[in-house]
């Protein structure tokens, strides 16, 4: 329990901001159909936003995860294991759900059920059609950025990490790769997988510093 409290204290700003996002998103998902939500986001496009989100979304890719793991392994050594554990967890659940639920992605969904609507698509972005739920990029982004927020000692840095995670999630909708429900689910998986990774990091450090607790110590 002490480890959980420590994680919360070290990620308080990120966690509270994320909880607000979850509540607002849940309300939107209950009130509006996913088609209406996606069309609203899709219409908020511009040439500048096209370029911005086209490249920002790569920060939620597997390559971004590998790069962060590599840097952490050099700078923090032991702590890199926590993010690696998070990566294994969220990848397992993301792939399990993707191949179990097998939802159509926005472009395929609109082509099949709403052919009269023409979505704005960003040139140069490879469009995917299947396995929409949940968003793997969003899960990756939240796992990485929550873990970095956990390592950070600055509240302002936490805010930056949270905003970056939310923007990466939004980029998946902007690029018509995912619906809001996919981003919502992906963020949950990434957040809790990273929370477990942070918990493991604290426990591992305690064992390294003090050894295994005795039976008397509980």
N, C-alpha and C. Protein backbone atom coordinates (compact mmCIF):
# COMPACT_ATOMS: atom_id res chain seq x y z
N UNK A 1 0.82 -1.21 0.00
CA UNK A 1 0.00 0.00 0.00
C UNK A 1 0.86 1.26 0.00
N UNK A 2 2.00 1.21 0.74
CA UNK A 2 2.89 2.37 0.77
C UNK A 2 3.43 2.68 -0.61
N UNK A 3 3.71 1.64 -1.41
CA UNK A 3 4.23 1.85 -2.76
C UNK A 3 3.19 2.53 -3.64
N UNK A 4 1.94 2.13 -3.49
CA UNK A 4 0.86 2.74 -4.28
C UNK A 4 0.71 4.22 -3.91
N UNK A 5 0.79 4.52 -2.62
CA UNK A 5 0.71 5.92 -2.18
C UNK A 5 1.87 6.73 -2.73
N UNK A 6 3.05 6.12 -2.74
CA UNK A 6 4.23 6.82 -3.25
C UNK A 6 4.08 7.12 -4.74
N UNK A 7 3.57 6.15 -5.49
CA UNK A 7 3.37 6.37 -6.93
C UNK A 7 2.39 7.50 -7.15
N UNK A 8 1.29 7.50 -6.40
CA UNK A 8 0.29 8.55 -6.55
C UNK A 8 0.88 9.92 -6.23
N UNK A 9 1.65 10.01 -5.15
CA UNK A 9 2.25 11.28 -4.77
C UNK A 9 3.23 11.78 -5.83
N UNK A 10 3.94 10.84 -6.45
CA UNK A 10 4.92 11.23 -7.46
C UNK A 10 4.31 11.51 -8.83
N UNK A 11 3.04 11.11 -9.01
CA UNK A 11 2.36 11.34 -10.29
C UNK A 11 1.01 12.02 -10.08
N UNK A 12 0.90 12.78 -9.01
CA UNK A 12 -0.39 13.34 -8.61
C UNK A 12 -1.02 14.19 -9.69
N UNK A 13 -0.24 15.09 -10.27
CA UNK A 13 -0.76 15.99 -11.31
C UNK A 13 -1.17 15.20 -12.54
N UNK A 14 -0.31 14.31 -12.98
CA UNK A 14 -0.62 13.48 -14.14
C UNK A 14 -1.89 12.67 -13.90
N UNK A 15 -1.97 12.02 -12.74
CA UNK A 15 -3.09 11.13 -12.45
C UNK A 15 -4.41 11.88 -12.33
N UNK A 16 -4.40 13.03 -11.67
CA UNK A 16 -5.64 13.81 -11.53
C UNK A 16 -6.09 14.33 -12.89
N UNK A 17 -5.14 14.84 -13.67
CA UNK A 17 -5.47 15.33 -15.01
C UNK A 17 -6.01 14.21 -15.89
N UNK A 18 -5.42 13.03 -15.76
CA UNK A 18 -5.88 11.89 -16.54
C UNK A 18 -7.28 11.45 -16.12
N UNK A 19 -7.55 11.48 -14.82
CA UNK A 19 -8.87 11.12 -14.32
C UNK A 19 -9.93 12.07 -14.88
N UNK A 20 -9.61 13.34 -14.95
CA UNK A 20 -10.54 14.32 -15.53
C UNK A 20 -10.82 13.98 -16.99
N UNK A 21 -9.76 13.63 -17.73
CA UNK A 21 -9.92 13.22 -19.12
C UNK A 21 -10.84 12.01 -19.23
N UNK A 22 -10.66 11.03 -18.35
CA UNK A 22 -11.49 9.82 -18.38
C UNK A 22 -12.96 10.15 -18.15
N UNK A 23 -13.22 10.99 -17.19
CA UNK A 23 -14.61 11.35 -16.87
C UNK A 23 -15.26 12.07 -18.04
N UNK A 24 -14.56 13.06 -18.59
CA UNK A 24 -15.11 13.82 -19.72
C UNK A 24 -15.33 12.90 -20.92
N UNK A 25 -14.36 12.06 -21.21
CA UNK A 25 -14.47 11.14 -22.35
C UNK A 25 -15.61 10.16 -22.15
N UNK A 26 -15.76 9.65 -20.93
CA UNK A 26 -16.84 8.70 -20.65
C UNK A 26 -18.20 9.34 -20.86
N UNK A 27 -18.34 10.59 -20.44
CA UNK A 27 -19.61 11.32 -20.62
C UNK A 27 -19.90 11.50 -22.11
N UNK A 28 -18.88 11.89 -22.87
CA UNK A 28 -19.05 12.08 -24.31
C UNK A 28 -19.44 10.76 -24.98
N UNK A 29 -18.79 9.68 -24.58
CA UNK A 29 -19.07 8.37 -25.18
C UNK A 29 -20.48 7.89 -24.87
N UNK A 30 -20.99 8.26 -23.71
CA UNK A 30 -22.35 7.86 -23.34
C UNK A 30 -23.39 8.68 -24.09
N UNK A 31 -23.12 9.96 -24.27
CA UNK A 31 -24.10 10.88 -24.86
C UNK A 31 -24.15 10.78 -26.39
N UNK A 32 -22.96 10.70 -27.02
CA UNK A 32 -22.90 10.79 -28.47
C UNK A 32 -22.45 9.48 -29.11
N UNK A 33 -22.99 9.14 -30.29
CA UNK A 33 -22.51 7.97 -31.03
C UNK A 33 -21.08 8.19 -31.50
N UNK A 34 -20.33 7.11 -31.64
CA UNK A 34 -18.93 7.25 -32.01
C UNK A 34 -18.76 7.86 -33.40
N UNK A 35 -19.75 7.66 -34.28
CA UNK A 35 -19.68 8.26 -35.61
C UNK A 35 -19.73 9.78 -35.51
N UNK A 36 -20.62 10.32 -34.69
CA UNK A 36 -20.73 11.77 -34.53
C UNK A 36 -19.47 12.35 -33.90
N UNK A 37 -18.92 11.64 -32.92
CA UNK A 37 -17.69 12.10 -32.28
C UNK A 37 -16.55 12.17 -33.29
N UNK A 38 -16.45 11.11 -34.09
CA UNK A 38 -15.35 11.06 -35.05
C UNK A 38 -15.49 12.13 -36.13
N UNK A 39 -16.70 12.35 -36.59
CA UNK A 39 -16.92 13.39 -37.60
C UNK A 39 -16.59 14.77 -37.05
N UNK A 40 -16.91 15.01 -35.79
CA UNK A 40 -16.59 16.29 -35.16
C UNK A 40 -15.07 16.52 -35.15
N UNK A 41 -14.33 15.50 -34.73
CA UNK A 41 -12.87 15.60 -34.70
C UNK A 41 -12.31 15.74 -36.11
N UNK A 42 -12.85 14.96 -37.03
CA UNK A 42 -12.34 14.93 -38.40
C UNK A 42 -12.50 16.27 -39.11
N UNK A 43 -13.54 17.01 -38.77
CA UNK A 43 -13.77 18.30 -39.41
C UNK A 43 -12.86 19.40 -38.88
N UNK A 44 -12.23 19.17 -37.74
CA UNK A 44 -11.32 20.17 -37.16
C UNK A 44 -9.92 19.96 -37.71
N UNK A 45 -9.80 20.14 -39.01
CA UNK A 45 -8.51 19.89 -39.65
C UNK A 45 -7.95 21.16 -40.30
N UNK A 46 -6.66 21.15 -40.50
CA UNK A 46 -5.98 22.26 -41.17
C UNK A 46 -4.66 21.72 -41.70
N UNK A 47 -4.04 22.39 -42.67
CA UNK A 47 -2.74 21.94 -43.19
C UNK A 47 -1.66 21.84 -42.11
N UNK A 48 -1.66 22.80 -41.19
CA UNK A 48 -0.67 22.78 -40.11
C UNK A 48 -0.90 21.59 -39.18
N UNK A 49 -2.17 21.37 -38.82
CA UNK A 49 -2.50 20.25 -37.95
C UNK A 49 -2.20 18.91 -38.62
N UNK A 50 -2.40 18.85 -39.93
CA UNK A 50 -2.08 17.62 -40.67
C UNK A 50 -0.62 17.23 -40.46
N UNK A 51 0.26 18.18 -40.64
CA UNK A 51 1.70 17.92 -40.49
C UNK A 51 2.03 17.62 -39.04
N UNK A 52 1.48 18.41 -38.12
CA UNK A 52 1.78 18.25 -36.69
C UNK A 52 1.41 16.87 -36.19
N UNK A 53 0.17 16.45 -36.44
CA UNK A 53 -0.29 15.16 -35.92
C UNK A 53 0.28 13.97 -36.70
N UNK A 54 0.62 14.20 -37.95
CA UNK A 54 1.22 13.14 -38.76
C UNK A 54 2.53 12.66 -38.14
N UNK A 55 3.31 13.60 -37.60
CA UNK A 55 4.61 13.24 -37.03
C UNK A 55 4.54 13.02 -35.52
N UNK A 56 3.64 13.73 -34.84
CA UNK A 56 3.51 13.54 -33.41
C UNK A 56 3.11 12.11 -33.06
N UNK A 57 2.28 11.52 -33.89
CA UNK A 57 1.76 10.18 -33.61
C UNK A 57 2.86 9.13 -33.51
N UNK A 58 4.03 9.40 -34.11
CA UNK A 58 5.14 8.45 -34.04
C UNK A 58 5.68 8.30 -32.62
N UNK A 59 5.39 9.27 -31.77
CA UNK A 59 5.85 9.18 -30.38
C UNK A 59 5.11 8.09 -29.62
N UNK A 60 4.07 7.55 -30.22
CA UNK A 60 3.36 6.43 -29.62
C UNK A 60 3.68 5.11 -30.31
N UNK A 61 4.71 5.10 -31.10
CA UNK A 61 5.08 3.88 -31.86
C UNK A 61 5.99 2.98 -31.04
N UNK A 62 6.18 1.78 -31.53
CA UNK A 62 7.09 0.84 -30.88
C UNK A 62 8.53 1.33 -30.89
N UNK A 63 8.90 2.06 -31.93
CA UNK A 63 10.26 2.60 -32.01
C UNK A 63 10.51 3.63 -30.92
N UNK A 64 9.50 4.42 -30.60
CA UNK A 64 9.63 5.40 -29.51
C UNK A 64 9.84 4.68 -28.19
N UNK A 65 9.12 3.59 -27.99
CA UNK A 65 9.28 2.80 -26.76
C UNK A 65 10.68 2.23 -26.66
N UNK A 66 11.18 1.69 -27.76
CA UNK A 66 12.54 1.13 -27.76
C UNK A 66 13.57 2.21 -27.44
N UNK A 67 13.39 3.40 -28.02
CA UNK A 67 14.33 4.50 -27.79
C UNK A 67 14.34 4.92 -26.32
N UNK A 68 13.15 5.03 -25.72
CA UNK A 68 13.06 5.44 -24.31
C UNK A 68 13.66 4.36 -23.42
N UNK A 69 13.38 3.10 -23.71
CA UNK A 69 13.96 2.01 -22.93
C UNK A 69 15.48 2.02 -23.01
N UNK A 70 16.00 2.31 -24.18
CA UNK A 70 17.46 2.36 -24.37
C UNK A 70 18.08 3.48 -23.52
N UNK A 71 17.46 4.66 -23.55
CA UNK A 71 17.96 5.80 -22.77
C UNK A 71 17.87 5.51 -21.27
N UNK A 72 16.74 4.96 -20.83
CA UNK A 72 16.58 4.64 -19.41
C UNK A 72 17.60 3.60 -18.96
N UNK A 73 17.88 2.63 -19.83
CA UNK A 73 18.86 1.60 -19.48
C UNK A 73 20.24 2.20 -19.25
N UNK A 74 20.54 3.28 -19.97
CA UNK A 74 21.84 3.95 -19.82
C UNK A 74 21.86 4.86 -18.59
N UNK A 75 20.78 5.63 -18.41
CA UNK A 75 20.76 6.64 -17.36
C UNK A 75 20.34 6.10 -15.99
N UNK A 76 19.36 5.19 -15.99
CA UNK A 76 18.78 4.75 -14.72
C UNK A 76 19.01 3.27 -14.41
N UNK A 77 19.36 2.48 -15.41
CA UNK A 77 19.65 1.05 -15.27
C UNK A 77 18.48 0.29 -14.66
N UNK A 78 18.40 0.24 -13.32
CA UNK A 78 17.37 -0.57 -12.67
C UNK A 78 15.96 -0.15 -13.07
N UNK A 79 15.75 1.14 -13.22
CA UNK A 79 14.40 1.64 -13.47
C UNK A 79 13.89 1.27 -14.87
N UNK A 80 14.78 0.98 -15.79
CA UNK A 80 14.35 0.60 -17.13
C UNK A 80 13.53 -0.68 -17.09
N UNK A 81 13.80 -1.53 -16.11
CA UNK A 81 13.05 -2.77 -15.98
C UNK A 81 11.58 -2.54 -15.72
N UNK A 82 11.25 -1.45 -15.01
CA UNK A 82 9.86 -1.13 -14.74
C UNK A 82 9.09 -0.80 -16.00
N UNK A 83 9.71 -0.02 -16.87
CA UNK A 83 9.06 0.32 -18.13
C UNK A 83 8.98 -0.90 -19.05
N UNK A 84 10.00 -1.74 -19.00
CA UNK A 84 9.97 -2.97 -19.80
C UNK A 84 8.81 -3.87 -19.37
N UNK A 85 8.61 -3.99 -18.07
CA UNK A 85 7.48 -4.77 -17.56
C UNK A 85 6.16 -4.16 -18.03
N UNK A 86 6.07 -2.84 -17.98
CA UNK A 86 4.87 -2.15 -18.46
C UNK A 86 4.62 -2.47 -19.92
N UNK A 87 5.69 -2.44 -20.72
CA UNK A 87 5.56 -2.69 -22.15
C UNK A 87 5.05 -4.10 -22.42
N UNK A 88 5.57 -5.06 -21.68
CA UNK A 88 5.12 -6.44 -21.86
C UNK A 88 3.65 -6.59 -21.50
N UNK A 89 3.24 -5.91 -20.44
CA UNK A 89 1.85 -6.00 -19.98
C UNK A 89 0.89 -5.36 -20.98
N UNK A 90 1.17 -4.10 -21.36
CA UNK A 90 0.20 -3.43 -22.22
C UNK A 90 0.17 -4.03 -23.62
N UNK A 91 1.31 -4.51 -24.10
CA UNK A 91 1.30 -5.15 -25.42
C UNK A 91 0.48 -6.44 -25.41
N UNK A 92 0.58 -7.18 -24.32
CA UNK A 92 -0.20 -8.41 -24.21
C UNK A 92 -1.69 -8.11 -24.27
N UNK A 93 -2.15 -7.16 -23.46
CA UNK A 93 -3.58 -6.86 -23.39
C UNK A 93 -4.09 -6.15 -24.65
N UNK A 94 -3.27 -5.29 -25.23
CA UNK A 94 -3.67 -4.62 -26.46
C UNK A 94 -3.87 -5.62 -27.58
N UNK A 95 -2.90 -6.51 -27.76
CA UNK A 95 -3.01 -7.49 -28.84
C UNK A 95 -4.12 -8.50 -28.58
N UNK A 96 -4.30 -8.88 -27.31
CA UNK A 96 -5.38 -9.80 -26.96
C UNK A 96 -6.74 -9.21 -27.33
N UNK A 97 -6.96 -7.96 -26.95
CA UNK A 97 -8.25 -7.31 -27.22
C UNK A 97 -8.43 -7.04 -28.71
N UNK A 98 -7.36 -6.58 -29.37
CA UNK A 98 -7.46 -6.30 -30.81
C UNK A 98 -7.92 -7.53 -31.58
N UNK A 99 -7.34 -8.66 -31.28
CA UNK A 99 -7.62 -9.87 -32.06
C UNK A 99 -8.79 -10.67 -31.51
N UNK A 100 -9.33 -10.22 -30.38
CA UNK A 100 -10.54 -10.84 -29.84
C UNK A 100 -11.78 -10.07 -30.27
N UNK A 101 -11.72 -8.75 -30.14
CA UNK A 101 -12.87 -7.91 -30.47
C UNK A 101 -12.98 -7.68 -31.97
N UNK A 102 -11.84 -7.43 -32.63
CA UNK A 102 -11.78 -7.29 -34.09
C UNK A 102 -12.72 -6.20 -34.62
N UNK A 103 -12.59 -5.01 -34.08
CA UNK A 103 -13.41 -3.87 -34.53
C UNK A 103 -12.81 -3.25 -35.79
N UNK A 104 -13.69 -2.72 -36.65
CA UNK A 104 -13.23 -1.98 -37.82
C UNK A 104 -12.69 -0.61 -37.40
N UNK A 105 -11.65 -0.17 -38.09
CA UNK A 105 -11.14 1.19 -37.87
C UNK A 105 -12.03 2.18 -38.61
N UNK A 106 -11.89 3.48 -38.28
CA UNK A 106 -12.83 4.48 -38.83
C UNK A 106 -13.02 4.46 -40.33
N UNK A 107 -11.94 4.44 -41.11
CA UNK A 107 -12.08 4.51 -42.56
C UNK A 107 -12.88 3.32 -43.10
N UNK A 108 -12.57 2.13 -42.63
CA UNK A 108 -13.30 0.93 -43.04
C UNK A 108 -14.75 0.99 -42.57
N UNK A 109 -14.94 1.46 -41.34
CA UNK A 109 -16.28 1.54 -40.77
C UNK A 109 -17.16 2.49 -41.58
N UNK A 110 -16.62 3.65 -41.92
CA UNK A 110 -17.39 4.62 -42.70
C UNK A 110 -17.64 4.11 -44.12
N UNK A 111 -16.65 3.45 -44.70
CA UNK A 111 -16.84 2.89 -46.05
C UNK A 111 -17.97 1.87 -46.09
N UNK A 112 -18.10 1.11 -45.02
CA UNK A 112 -19.09 0.05 -44.99
C UNK A 112 -20.49 0.56 -44.63
N UNK A 113 -20.57 1.44 -43.63
CA UNK A 113 -21.87 1.82 -43.09
C UNK A 113 -22.31 3.25 -43.42
N UNK A 114 -21.36 4.11 -43.74
CA UNK A 114 -21.69 5.51 -44.07
C UNK A 114 -20.90 5.95 -45.31
N UNK A 115 -21.14 5.32 -46.45
CA UNK A 115 -20.35 5.61 -47.66
C UNK A 115 -20.52 7.02 -48.20
N UNK A 116 -21.57 7.72 -47.78
CA UNK A 116 -21.79 9.08 -48.27
C UNK A 116 -20.89 10.10 -47.57
N UNK A 117 -20.32 9.72 -46.43
CA UNK A 117 -19.41 10.61 -45.73
C UNK A 117 -18.00 10.44 -46.27
N UNK A 118 -17.33 11.53 -46.44
CA UNK A 118 -15.94 11.49 -46.93
C UNK A 118 -15.03 12.08 -45.86
N UNK A 119 -14.27 11.21 -45.23
CA UNK A 119 -13.39 11.65 -44.16
C UNK A 119 -12.18 12.39 -44.71
N UNK A 120 -11.72 13.37 -43.94
CA UNK A 120 -10.47 14.06 -44.28
C UNK A 120 -9.32 13.16 -43.87
N UNK A 121 -8.47 12.79 -44.82
CA UNK A 121 -7.33 11.94 -44.56
C UNK A 121 -6.04 12.70 -44.84
N UNK A 122 -5.03 12.44 -44.04
CA UNK A 122 -3.75 13.14 -44.17
C UNK A 122 -2.87 12.40 -45.16
N UNK A 123 -2.39 13.12 -46.13
CA UNK A 123 -1.55 12.53 -47.17
C UNK A 123 -0.27 11.95 -46.58
N UNK A 124 0.09 10.75 -47.03
CA UNK A 124 1.32 10.12 -46.58
C UNK A 124 1.15 9.22 -45.37
N UNK A 125 -0.06 9.18 -44.80
CA UNK A 125 -0.33 8.33 -43.64
C UNK A 125 -0.92 7.01 -44.12
N UNK A 126 -0.31 5.91 -43.76
CA UNK A 126 -0.82 4.59 -44.14
C UNK A 126 -2.04 4.27 -43.29
N UNK A 127 -3.17 4.11 -43.93
CA UNK A 127 -4.42 3.87 -43.23
C UNK A 127 -4.60 2.38 -42.94
N UNK A 128 -4.99 2.08 -41.70
CA UNK A 128 -5.29 0.71 -41.32
C UNK A 128 -6.80 0.53 -41.24
N UNK A 129 -7.26 -0.69 -41.41
CA UNK A 129 -8.70 -0.94 -41.52
C UNK A 129 -9.26 -1.85 -40.43
N UNK A 130 -8.42 -2.62 -39.77
CA UNK A 130 -8.94 -3.62 -38.83
C UNK A 130 -8.27 -3.51 -37.46
N UNK A 131 -8.83 -4.26 -36.51
CA UNK A 131 -8.28 -4.34 -35.15
C UNK A 131 -8.15 -2.95 -34.51
N UNK A 132 -9.26 -2.26 -34.43
CA UNK A 132 -9.27 -0.88 -33.96
C UNK A 132 -9.17 -0.73 -32.44
N UNK A 133 -9.88 -1.60 -31.72
CA UNK A 133 -9.99 -1.46 -30.26
C UNK A 133 -9.07 -2.45 -29.55
N UNK A 134 -8.15 -1.94 -28.71
CA UNK A 134 -7.87 -0.55 -28.34
C UNK A 134 -6.74 0.05 -29.18
N UNK A 135 -6.44 1.31 -28.95
CA UNK A 135 -5.37 1.99 -29.67
C UNK A 135 -4.01 1.65 -29.05
N UNK A 136 -3.18 0.96 -29.83
CA UNK A 136 -1.86 0.59 -29.35
C UNK A 136 -0.93 1.78 -29.17
N UNK A 137 -1.02 2.75 -30.09
CA UNK A 137 -0.19 3.95 -29.97
C UNK A 137 -0.51 4.71 -28.69
N UNK A 138 -1.81 4.80 -28.37
CA UNK A 138 -2.21 5.51 -27.16
C UNK A 138 -1.73 4.78 -25.92
N UNK A 139 -1.86 3.46 -25.92
CA UNK A 139 -1.37 2.66 -24.79
C UNK A 139 0.12 2.86 -24.60
N UNK A 140 0.86 2.85 -25.70
CA UNK A 140 2.32 3.05 -25.65
C UNK A 140 2.65 4.43 -25.09
N UNK A 141 1.97 5.45 -25.59
CA UNK A 141 2.23 6.82 -25.15
C UNK A 141 1.97 6.99 -23.66
N UNK A 142 0.84 6.50 -23.20
CA UNK A 142 0.51 6.65 -21.77
C UNK A 142 1.44 5.84 -20.89
N UNK A 143 1.83 4.65 -21.34
CA UNK A 143 2.76 3.84 -20.56
C UNK A 143 4.11 4.55 -20.42
N UNK A 144 4.63 5.06 -21.53
CA UNK A 144 5.92 5.74 -21.50
C UNK A 144 5.86 7.01 -20.66
N UNK A 145 4.88 7.84 -20.94
CA UNK A 145 4.84 9.17 -20.34
C UNK A 145 4.42 9.14 -18.88
N UNK A 146 3.57 8.19 -18.51
CA UNK A 146 3.27 8.04 -17.08
C UNK A 146 4.51 7.60 -16.32
N UNK A 147 5.25 6.66 -16.90
CA UNK A 147 6.46 6.17 -16.23
C UNK A 147 7.50 7.29 -16.11
N UNK A 148 7.63 8.10 -17.15
CA UNK A 148 8.56 9.24 -17.08
C UNK A 148 8.08 10.26 -16.05
N UNK A 149 6.77 10.43 -15.93
CA UNK A 149 6.23 11.33 -14.91
C UNK A 149 6.55 10.79 -13.51
N UNK A 150 6.49 9.47 -13.37
CA UNK A 150 6.84 8.82 -12.11
C UNK A 150 8.30 9.09 -11.74
N UNK A 151 9.16 9.09 -12.74
CA UNK A 151 10.58 9.34 -12.49
C UNK A 151 10.88 10.81 -12.27
N UNK A 152 10.01 11.67 -12.78
CA UNK A 152 10.23 13.11 -12.69
C UNK A 152 9.93 13.63 -11.28
N UNK A 153 10.58 14.72 -10.93
CA UNK A 153 10.32 15.37 -9.64
C UNK A 153 9.69 16.75 -9.83
N UNK A 154 9.24 17.02 -11.03
CA UNK A 154 8.69 18.34 -11.35
C UNK A 154 7.23 18.23 -11.73
N UNK A 155 6.38 19.02 -11.10
CA UNK A 155 4.96 19.04 -11.43
C UNK A 155 4.74 19.60 -12.83
N UNK A 156 5.54 20.56 -13.23
CA UNK A 156 5.40 21.13 -14.57
C UNK A 156 5.74 20.10 -15.64
N UNK A 157 6.74 19.29 -15.37
CA UNK A 157 7.11 18.24 -16.31
C UNK A 157 5.98 17.22 -16.41
N UNK A 158 5.33 16.93 -15.28
CA UNK A 158 4.18 16.02 -15.29
C UNK A 158 3.08 16.55 -16.21
N UNK A 159 2.82 17.84 -16.13
CA UNK A 159 1.79 18.45 -16.97
C UNK A 159 2.15 18.29 -18.45
N UNK A 160 3.41 18.53 -18.77
CA UNK A 160 3.87 18.39 -20.15
C UNK A 160 3.69 16.96 -20.64
N UNK A 161 4.07 15.99 -19.80
CA UNK A 161 3.92 14.59 -20.18
C UNK A 161 2.45 14.22 -20.39
N UNK A 162 1.58 14.70 -19.51
CA UNK A 162 0.16 14.40 -19.65
C UNK A 162 -0.40 15.00 -20.94
N UNK A 163 -0.09 16.26 -21.20
CA UNK A 163 -0.57 16.91 -22.42
C UNK A 163 -0.06 16.19 -23.66
N UNK A 164 1.19 15.75 -23.61
CA UNK A 164 1.78 15.04 -24.75
C UNK A 164 1.06 13.71 -24.96
N UNK A 165 0.77 13.00 -23.88
CA UNK A 165 0.05 11.72 -24.00
C UNK A 165 -1.34 11.93 -24.59
N UNK A 166 -2.02 12.97 -24.13
CA UNK A 166 -3.37 13.26 -24.64
C UNK A 166 -3.33 13.66 -26.12
N UNK A 167 -2.32 14.43 -26.50
CA UNK A 167 -2.19 14.84 -27.90
C UNK A 167 -1.89 13.65 -28.81
N UNK A 168 -1.08 12.74 -28.33
CA UNK A 168 -0.79 11.54 -29.12
C UNK A 168 -2.07 10.72 -29.30
N UNK A 169 -2.85 10.60 -28.22
CA UNK A 169 -4.12 9.91 -28.32
C UNK A 169 -5.05 10.61 -29.30
N UNK A 170 -5.08 11.93 -29.23
CA UNK A 170 -5.93 12.70 -30.15
C UNK A 170 -5.47 12.53 -31.60
N UNK A 171 -4.16 12.40 -31.79
CA UNK A 171 -3.62 12.25 -33.15
C UNK A 171 -4.16 10.99 -33.81
N UNK A 172 -4.44 9.96 -33.01
CA UNK A 172 -4.97 8.73 -33.58
C UNK A 172 -6.38 8.92 -34.13
N UNK A 173 -7.14 9.81 -33.50
CA UNK A 173 -8.47 10.15 -34.02
C UNK A 173 -8.35 11.11 -35.19
N UNK A 174 -7.48 12.08 -35.07
CA UNK A 174 -7.30 13.07 -36.13
C UNK A 174 -6.91 12.40 -37.44
N UNK A 175 -6.05 11.38 -37.35
CA UNK A 175 -5.58 10.67 -38.54
C UNK A 175 -6.54 9.58 -39.00
N UNK A 176 -7.69 9.48 -38.32
CA UNK A 176 -8.72 8.47 -38.62
C UNK A 176 -8.19 7.04 -38.53
N UNK A 177 -7.30 6.84 -37.56
CA UNK A 177 -6.82 5.49 -37.29
C UNK A 177 -7.61 4.83 -36.17
N UNK A 178 -8.29 5.65 -35.35
CA UNK A 178 -9.04 5.11 -34.22
C UNK A 178 -10.23 6.00 -33.87
N UNK A 179 -11.20 5.39 -33.19
CA UNK A 179 -12.32 6.11 -32.60
C UNK A 179 -11.93 6.53 -31.18
N UNK A 180 -12.75 7.39 -30.58
CA UNK A 180 -12.50 7.84 -29.21
C UNK A 180 -12.49 6.67 -28.24
N UNK A 181 -13.40 5.71 -28.40
CA UNK A 181 -13.45 4.56 -27.50
C UNK A 181 -12.15 3.77 -27.54
N UNK A 182 -11.51 3.72 -28.70
CA UNK A 182 -10.23 3.01 -28.84
C UNK A 182 -9.13 3.73 -28.04
N UNK A 183 -9.13 5.04 -28.16
CA UNK A 183 -8.15 5.86 -27.43
C UNK A 183 -8.40 5.76 -25.93
N UNK A 184 -9.66 5.82 -25.54
CA UNK A 184 -10.05 5.70 -24.14
C UNK A 184 -9.52 4.39 -23.55
N UNK A 185 -9.79 3.28 -24.25
CA UNK A 185 -9.36 1.97 -23.77
C UNK A 185 -7.84 1.84 -23.77
N UNK A 186 -7.20 2.34 -24.83
CA UNK A 186 -5.74 2.27 -24.91
C UNK A 186 -5.06 3.03 -23.80
N UNK A 187 -5.61 4.19 -23.46
CA UNK A 187 -5.01 5.00 -22.39
C UNK A 187 -5.12 4.29 -21.04
N UNK A 188 -6.26 3.64 -20.80
CA UNK A 188 -6.43 2.88 -19.55
C UNK A 188 -5.41 1.75 -19.43
N UNK A 189 -5.25 1.01 -20.52
CA UNK A 189 -4.30 -0.11 -20.51
C UNK A 189 -2.88 0.40 -20.28
N UNK A 190 -2.50 1.45 -21.00
CA UNK A 190 -1.16 2.00 -20.86
C UNK A 190 -0.91 2.56 -19.47
N UNK A 191 -1.90 3.26 -18.92
CA UNK A 191 -1.76 3.88 -17.59
C UNK A 191 -1.56 2.81 -16.52
N UNK A 192 -2.44 1.81 -16.49
CA UNK A 192 -2.37 0.82 -15.43
C UNK A 192 -1.18 -0.13 -15.61
N UNK A 193 -0.80 -0.41 -16.84
CA UNK A 193 0.40 -1.22 -17.07
C UNK A 193 1.63 -0.49 -16.55
N UNK A 194 1.68 0.82 -16.79
CA UNK A 194 2.80 1.62 -16.32
C UNK A 194 2.78 1.77 -14.80
N UNK A 195 1.57 1.84 -14.25
CA UNK A 195 1.44 1.91 -12.78
C UNK A 195 2.05 0.66 -12.14
N UNK A 196 1.77 -0.50 -12.74
CA UNK A 196 2.34 -1.75 -12.23
C UNK A 196 3.86 -1.75 -12.39
N UNK A 197 4.33 -1.20 -13.52
CA UNK A 197 5.77 -1.08 -13.72
C UNK A 197 6.42 -0.19 -12.69
N UNK A 198 5.76 0.90 -12.33
CA UNK A 198 6.28 1.81 -11.30
C UNK A 198 6.29 1.13 -9.94
N UNK A 199 5.21 0.38 -9.65
CA UNK A 199 5.14 -0.37 -8.38
C UNK A 199 6.29 -1.38 -8.31
N UNK A 200 6.53 -2.10 -9.40
CA UNK A 200 7.62 -3.06 -9.43
C UNK A 200 8.97 -2.37 -9.21
N UNK A 201 9.13 -1.18 -9.78
CA UNK A 201 10.38 -0.44 -9.63
C UNK A 201 10.65 -0.10 -8.17
N UNK A 202 9.63 0.35 -7.47
CA UNK A 202 9.78 0.69 -6.05
C UNK A 202 10.11 -0.56 -5.23
N UNK A 203 9.39 -1.65 -5.49
CA UNK A 203 9.65 -2.88 -4.75
C UNK A 203 11.04 -3.43 -5.04
N UNK A 204 11.47 -3.34 -6.28
CA UNK A 204 12.79 -3.84 -6.65
C UNK A 204 13.88 -3.03 -5.95
N UNK A 205 13.70 -1.72 -5.89
CA UNK A 205 14.69 -0.87 -5.22
C UNK A 205 14.73 -1.16 -3.73
N UNK A 206 13.57 -1.44 -3.14
CA UNK A 206 13.54 -1.77 -1.71
C UNK A 206 14.30 -3.06 -1.44
N UNK A 207 14.13 -4.05 -2.33
CA UNK A 207 14.84 -5.31 -2.17
C UNK A 207 16.34 -5.11 -2.35
N UNK A 208 16.72 -4.29 -3.32
CA UNK A 208 18.14 -4.03 -3.57
C UNK A 208 18.78 -3.30 -2.40
N UNK A 209 18.04 -2.41 -1.78
CA UNK A 209 18.59 -1.59 -0.69
C UNK A 209 18.53 -2.27 0.67
N UNK A 210 17.49 -3.07 0.91
CA UNK A 210 17.28 -3.62 2.24
C UNK A 210 17.16 -5.13 2.26
N UNK A 211 17.15 -5.77 1.12
CA UNK A 211 16.96 -7.22 1.06
C UNK A 211 15.50 -7.59 1.20
N UNK A 212 15.21 -8.87 1.13
CA UNK A 212 13.84 -9.35 1.27
C UNK A 212 13.36 -9.16 2.70
N UNK A 213 12.10 -8.74 2.89
CA UNK A 213 11.59 -8.59 4.25
C UNK A 213 11.49 -9.93 4.95
N UNK A 214 11.80 -9.94 6.24
CA UNK A 214 11.71 -11.18 7.00
C UNK A 214 10.26 -11.52 7.31
N UNK A 215 10.04 -12.74 7.78
CA UNK A 215 8.68 -13.16 8.11
C UNK A 215 8.10 -12.29 9.23
N UNK A 216 8.94 -11.94 10.18
CA UNK A 216 8.46 -11.09 11.27
C UNK A 216 8.04 -9.72 10.81
N UNK A 217 8.77 -9.21 9.82
CA UNK A 217 8.47 -7.87 9.30
C UNK A 217 7.21 -7.88 8.46
N UNK A 218 6.74 -9.07 8.04
CA UNK A 218 5.53 -9.16 7.21
C UNK A 218 5.85 -8.85 5.79
